[in-house]
Structures are given as structure tokens and as C-alpha cells.
Amino acid sequence: MKKNGFTLLEIIMVLSLMTLILGLSAVFFAGSLPSVKANAAGRELTAMIRQARSLAHMKMESQTVMIDLDNRTYGIEGREIKTLPPDLLVSITDPLAGEIAHGKYPLVFHPTGGMGGGTITLSRGKRAMRIELDPITGAVMIRDGPG
């Protein structure tokens, strides 16, 4: 005689395994959420820098992205101000002034395409994202790597 269906023991074991897998995946995703927010903040900052460069070229007037390291905010002057995540470490390496970790740092974009150069480093734990600014070409590049 052929029996169809599952025993109660089989169903309990499958449900236990599913609960274990779901619990482990929740822990994994909760641990990766802050790094996702850090990457998103870096990409938003990069997009804003590129937007300021485009606005300077289109409007034929200088545009400034102000990065406030103390208040952890950034934005194009006269436009929306955005906030950086609290667990993200931010530092700026200026070619003339060296390492900057406090105060306000202006990135000025000129209509001709020129700008101040430097590197903005966003780090969280062992991961870091560097936003490199080329003063001659005005290029903005993102580099990911260890902190």
C-alpha cells in the first residue's frame, strides 16, 4: 500500500531548517546594512560633486560644494543640504593644505571646467571609499578599497 504525504516529524524538521536559515540571513543582512548606507552616501556625494561641475559649465558661473566635517553635512551652496551617516568617518586630503578632518571644506567648480583637487575619504571599519578629484580635467573618480 502506497502512502502519500509527509509525517509530522518531516514537517517539523523542514520548518526548523527554514527558521534557522531565515534567522541567519536576517543577521547577515542586518550586519551589511550600515555598509550599504555608507556606499550610498559616497555615491550621493559623488553625484552632487558631478552635478555642481555640470551646473558651473551650464550656467557659466562658479558652483561650490561645501563639506562641513564638524556637522557632517554637504551640499551645493544655495541648494539642498544632505547629512552623512553618523558611523562614517570622513577626511579630506588637500594637495596644498594636507589632511583635513575638521571645519568646512569648499569644492569650487569654475565654468571653464577647472576645480580644486584632492581626495575625500569615507571609511567605516575596514572598508573605505575614496572620491578623487582631478583639478585639471575636473574628473571625479570613485575608488573602493580597504580602510
C-alpha atoms as a PDB file:
ATOM      1  CA  MET A   1       0.000   0.000   0.000  1.00  0.00           C
ATOM      2  CA  LYS A   2       1.443   3.374  -1.090  1.00  0.00           C
ATOM      3  CA  LYS A   3       1.215   6.325   1.339  1.00  0.00           C
ATOM      4  CA  ASN A   4       1.102   9.914   0.129  1.00  0.00           C
ATOM      5  CA  GLY A   5       2.109  12.927   2.242  1.00  0.00           C
ATOM      6  CA  PHE A   6       4.654  13.738   4.932  1.00  0.00           C
ATOM      7  CA  THR A   7       4.974  12.648   8.521  1.00  0.00           C
ATOM      8  CA  LEU A   8       4.730  15.147  11.319  1.00  0.00           C
ATOM      9  CA  LEU A   9       8.437  14.658  12.075  1.00  0.00           C
ATOM     10  CA  GLU A  10       9.416  15.517   8.489  1.00  0.00           C
ATOM     11  CA  ILE A  11       7.340  18.708   8.548  1.00  0.00           C
ATOM     12  CA  ILE A  12       8.835  19.779  11.900  1.00  0.00           C
ATOM     13  CA  MET A  13      12.385  19.222  10.601  1.00  0.00           C
ATOM     14  CA  VAL A  14      11.764  21.241   7.413  1.00  0.00           C
ATOM     15  CA  LEU A  15      10.201  24.109   9.399  1.00  0.00           C
ATOM     16  CA  SER A  16      13.142  24.074  11.845  1.00  0.00           C
ATOM     17  CA  LEU A  17      15.664  24.276   8.996  1.00  0.00           C
ATOM     18  CA  MET A  18      13.725  27.116   7.336  1.00  0.00           C
ATOM     19  CA  THR A  19      13.610  29.041  10.622  1.00  0.00           C
ATOM     20  CA  LEU A  20      17.359  28.580  11.098  1.00  0.00           C
ATOM     21  CA  ILE A  21      18.159  29.761   7.573  1.00  0.00           C
ATOM     22  CA  LEU A  22      15.869  32.799   7.865  1.00  0.00           C
ATOM     23  CA  GLY A  23      17.373  33.709  11.238  1.00  0.00           C
ATOM     24  CA  LEU A  24      20.934  33.534   9.895  1.00  0.00           C
ATOM     25  CA  SER A  25      20.070  35.554   6.784  1.00  0.00           C
ATOM     26  CA  ALA A  26      18.453  38.275   8.927  1.00  0.00           C
ATOM     27  CA  VAL A  27      21.644  38.559  10.991  1.00  0.00           C
ATOM     28  CA  PHE A  28      23.740  38.730   7.809  1.00  0.00           C
ATOM     29  CA  PHE A  29      21.619  41.458   6.217  1.00  0.00           C
ATOM     30  CA  ALA A  30      21.430  43.491   9.427  1.00  0.00           C
ATOM     31  CA  GLY A  31      25.231  43.476   9.570  1.00  0.00           C
ATOM     32  CA  SER A  32      25.573  44.616   5.955  1.00  0.00           C
ATOM     33  CA  LEU A  33      23.023  47.457   6.193  1.00  0.00           C
ATOM     34  CA  PRO A  34      25.449  50.096   7.579  1.00  0.00           C
ATOM     35  CA  SER A  35      27.964  49.419   4.795  1.00  0.00           C
ATOM     36  CA  VAL A  36      25.200  49.769   2.215  1.00  0.00           C
ATOM     37  CA  LYS A  37      24.288  53.138   3.726  1.00  0.00           C
ATOM     38  CA  ALA A  38      27.958  54.197   3.634  1.00  0.00           C
ATOM     39  CA  ASN A  39      28.258  53.248  -0.047  1.00  0.00           C
ATOM     40  CA  ALA A  40      25.031  55.094  -0.840  1.00  0.00           C
ATOM     41  CA  ALA A  41      26.292  58.224   0.951  1.00  0.00           C
ATOM     42  CA  GLY A  42      29.551  58.108  -1.010  1.00  0.00           C
ATOM     43  CA  ARG A  43      27.742  57.724  -4.304  1.00  0.00           C
ATOM     44  CA  GLU A  44      25.323  60.566  -3.437  1.00  0.00           C
ATOM     45  CA  LEU A  45      28.254  62.849  -2.590  1.00  0.00           C
ATOM     46  CA  THR A  46      29.938  61.924  -5.867  1.00  0.00           C
ATOM     47  CA  ALA A  47      26.741  62.618  -7.800  1.00  0.00           C
ATOM     48  CA  MET A  48      26.400  66.008  -6.117  1.00  0.00           C
ATOM     49  CA  ILE A  49      30.001  66.900  -6.995  1.00  0.00           C
ATOM     50  CA  ARG A  50      29.368  65.948 -10.628  1.00  0.00           C
ATOM     51  CA  GLN A  51      26.132  67.943 -10.604  1.00  0.00           C
ATOM     52  CA  ALA A  52      27.966  71.048  -9.348  1.00  0.00           C
ATOM     53  CA  ARG A  53      30.541  70.647 -12.107  1.00  0.00           C
ATOM     54  CA  SER A  54      27.766  70.407 -14.732  1.00  0.00           C
ATOM     55  CA  LEU A  55      25.903  73.405 -13.274  1.00  0.00           C
ATOM     56  CA  ALA A  56      29.072  75.515 -13.378  1.00  0.00           C
ATOM     57  CA  HIS A  57      29.542  74.661 -17.040  1.00  0.00           C
ATOM     58  CA  MET A  58      25.853  75.177 -17.993  1.00  0.00           C
ATOM     59  CA  LYS A  59      25.272  78.408 -16.046  1.00  0.00           C
ATOM     60  CA  MET A  60      28.757  79.787 -16.748  1.00  0.00           C
ATOM     61  CA  GLU A  61      29.222  80.697 -13.076  1.00  0.00           C
ATOM     62  CA  SER A  62      31.179  79.077 -10.276  1.00  0.00           C
ATOM     63  CA  GLN A  63      29.430  76.495  -8.100  1.00  0.00           C
ATOM     64  CA  THR A  64      30.585  75.434  -4.627  1.00  0.00           C
ATOM     65  CA  VAL A  65      30.024  72.130  -2.855  1.00  0.00           C
ATOM     66  CA  MET A  66      30.506  72.776   0.859  1.00  0.00           C
ATOM     67  CA  ILE A  67      31.507  69.817   3.010  1.00  0.00           C
ATOM     68  CA  ASP A  68      31.043  70.526   6.726  1.00  0.00           C
ATOM     69  CA  LEU A  69      33.117  67.912   8.536  1.00  0.00           C
ATOM     70  CA  ASP A  70      32.009  69.001  12.020  1.00  0.00           C
ATOM     71  CA  ASN A  71      28.244  68.927  11.329  1.00  0.00           C
ATOM     72  CA  ARG A  72      28.591  66.001   8.898  1.00  0.00           C
ATOM     73  CA  THR A  73      26.689  67.700   6.083  1.00  0.00           C
ATOM     74  CA  TYR A  74      27.356  68.527   2.442  1.00  0.00           C
ATOM     75  CA  GLY A  75      25.599  70.310  -0.369  1.00  0.00           C
ATOM     76  CA  ILE A  76      25.797  72.719  -3.263  1.00  0.00           C
ATOM     77  CA  GLU A  77      25.549  76.254  -1.869  1.00  0.00           C
ATOM     78  CA  GLY A  78      22.012  77.581  -2.256  1.00  0.00           C
ATOM     79  CA  ARG A  79      20.558  74.101  -2.690  1.00  0.00           C
ATOM     80  CA  GLU A  80      19.602  71.085  -0.560  1.00  0.00           C
ATOM     81  CA  ILE A  81      21.929  70.060   2.282  1.00  0.00           C
ATOM     82  CA  LYS A  82      22.420  66.324   2.901  1.00  0.00           C
ATOM     83  CA  THR A  83      23.639  64.542   6.023  1.00  0.00           C
ATOM     84  CA  LEU A  84      26.326  61.854   6.238  1.00  0.00           C
ATOM     85  CA  PRO A  85      25.655  58.675   8.274  1.00  0.00           C
ATOM     86  CA  PRO A  86      26.882  59.027  11.889  1.00  0.00           C
ATOM     87  CA  ASP A  87      29.194  55.984  11.789  1.00  0.00           C
ATOM     88  CA  LEU A  88      31.003  57.131   8.622  1.00  0.00           C
ATOM     89  CA  LEU A  89      34.460  58.659   9.091  1.00  0.00           C
ATOM     90  CA  VAL A  90      35.189  61.483   6.656  1.00  0.00           C
ATOM     91  CA  SER A  91      38.554  63.052   5.882  1.00  0.00           C
ATOM     92  CA  ILE A  92      39.850  65.200   3.046  1.00  0.00           C
ATOM     93  CA  THR A  93      43.358  65.272   1.659  1.00  0.00           C
ATOM     94  CA  ASP A  94      44.036  68.626   0.035  1.00  0.00           C
ATOM     95  CA  PRO A  95      47.121  68.894  -2.202  1.00  0.00           C
ATOM     96  CA  LEU A  96      48.121  72.195  -0.564  1.00  0.00           C
ATOM     97  CA  ALA A  97      46.725  72.042   2.985  1.00  0.00           C
ATOM     98  CA  GLY A  98      47.280  68.319   3.641  1.00  0.00           C
ATOM     99  CA  GLU A  99      44.928  66.219   5.776  1.00  0.00           C
ATOM    100  CA  ILE A 100      41.709  67.990   6.834  1.00  0.00           C
ATOM    101  CA  ALA A 101      39.435  66.395   9.444  1.00  0.00           C
ATOM    102  CA  HIS A 102      37.523  69.386  10.889  1.00  0.00           C
ATOM    103  CA  GLY A 103      35.771  72.524   9.702  1.00  0.00           C
ATOM    104  CA  LYS A 104      34.228  73.382   6.356  1.00  0.00           C
ATOM    105  CA  TYR A 105      35.876  72.472   3.081  1.00  0.00           C
ATOM    106  CA  PRO A 106      34.707  74.164  -0.138  1.00  0.00           C
ATOM    107  CA  LEU A 107      34.991  72.466  -3.520  1.00  0.00           C
ATOM    108  CA  VAL A 108      34.750  75.273  -6.089  1.00  0.00           C
ATOM    109  CA  PHE A 109      33.923  74.425  -9.700  1.00  0.00           C
ATOM    110  CA  HIS A 110      34.671  77.029 -12.353  1.00  0.00           C
ATOM    111  CA  PRO A 111      32.787  77.473 -15.645  1.00  0.00           C
ATOM    112  CA  THR A 112      35.938  76.552 -17.561  1.00  0.00           C
ATOM    113  CA  GLY A 113      35.903  73.055 -16.023  1.00  0.00           C
ATOM    114  CA  GLY A 114      38.683  73.613 -13.505  1.00  0.00           C
ATOM    115  CA  MET A 115      38.308  72.918  -9.810  1.00  0.00           C
ATOM    116  CA  GLY A 116      40.256  72.380  -6.626  1.00  0.00           C
ATOM    117  CA  GLY A 117      41.706  68.881  -6.471  1.00  0.00           C
ATOM    118  CA  GLY A 118      42.078  66.471  -3.603  1.00  0.00           C
ATOM    119  CA  THR A 119      40.701  63.247  -2.231  1.00  0.00           C
ATOM    120  CA  ILE A 120      37.681  62.714   0.008  1.00  0.00           C
ATOM    121  CA  THR A 121      37.904  59.506   2.039  1.00  0.00           C
ATOM    122  CA  LEU A 122      34.790  57.922   3.528  1.00  0.00           C
ATOM    123  CA  SER A 123      35.559  54.973   5.776  1.00  0.00           C
ATOM    124  CA  ARG A 124      33.663  52.599   8.003  1.00  0.00           C
ATOM    125  CA  GLY A 125      35.533  49.787   9.710  1.00  0.00           C
ATOM    126  CA  LYS A 126      37.894  48.060   7.303  1.00  0.00           C
ATOM    127  CA  ARG A 127      36.222  49.432   4.165  1.00  0.00           C
ATOM    128  CA  ALA A 128      36.942  52.803   2.590  1.00  0.00           C
ATOM    129  CA  MET A 129      35.747  54.727  -0.428  1.00  0.00           C
ATOM    130  CA  ARG A 130      37.919  57.428  -1.946  1.00  0.00           C
ATOM    131  CA  ILE A 131      36.479  60.161  -4.131  1.00  0.00           C
ATOM    132  CA  GLU A 132      39.381  61.532  -6.168  1.00  0.00           C
ATOM    133  CA  LEU A 133      39.066  64.932  -7.827  1.00  0.00           C
ATOM    134  CA  ASP A 134      41.309  65.833 -10.760  1.00  0.00           C
ATOM    135  CA  PRO A 135      41.878  69.629 -10.784  1.00  0.00           C
ATOM    136  CA  ILE A 136      42.909  69.766 -14.450  1.00  0.00           C
ATOM    137  CA  THR A 137      40.270  67.660 -16.175  1.00  0.00           C
ATOM    138  CA  GLY A 138      37.593  68.056 -13.489  1.00  0.00           C
ATOM    139  CA  ALA A 139      37.083  64.297 -13.435  1.00  0.00           C
ATOM    140  CA  VAL A 140      35.535  62.710 -10.338  1.00  0.00           C
ATOM    141  CA  MET A 141      36.525  59.082  -9.707  1.00  0.00           C
ATOM    142  CA  ILE A 142      35.420  56.619  -7.024  1.00  0.00           C
ATOM    143  CA  ARG A 143      37.853  54.047  -5.691  1.00  0.00           C
ATOM    144  CA  ASP A 144      36.792  51.325  -3.248  1.00  0.00           C
ATOM    145  CA  GLY A 145      39.262  49.517  -1.062  1.00  0.00           C
ATOM    146  CA  PRO A 146      40.439  48.691   2.436  1.00  0.00           C
ATOM    147  CA  GLY A 147      40.413  51.481   5.018  1.00  0.00           C
END
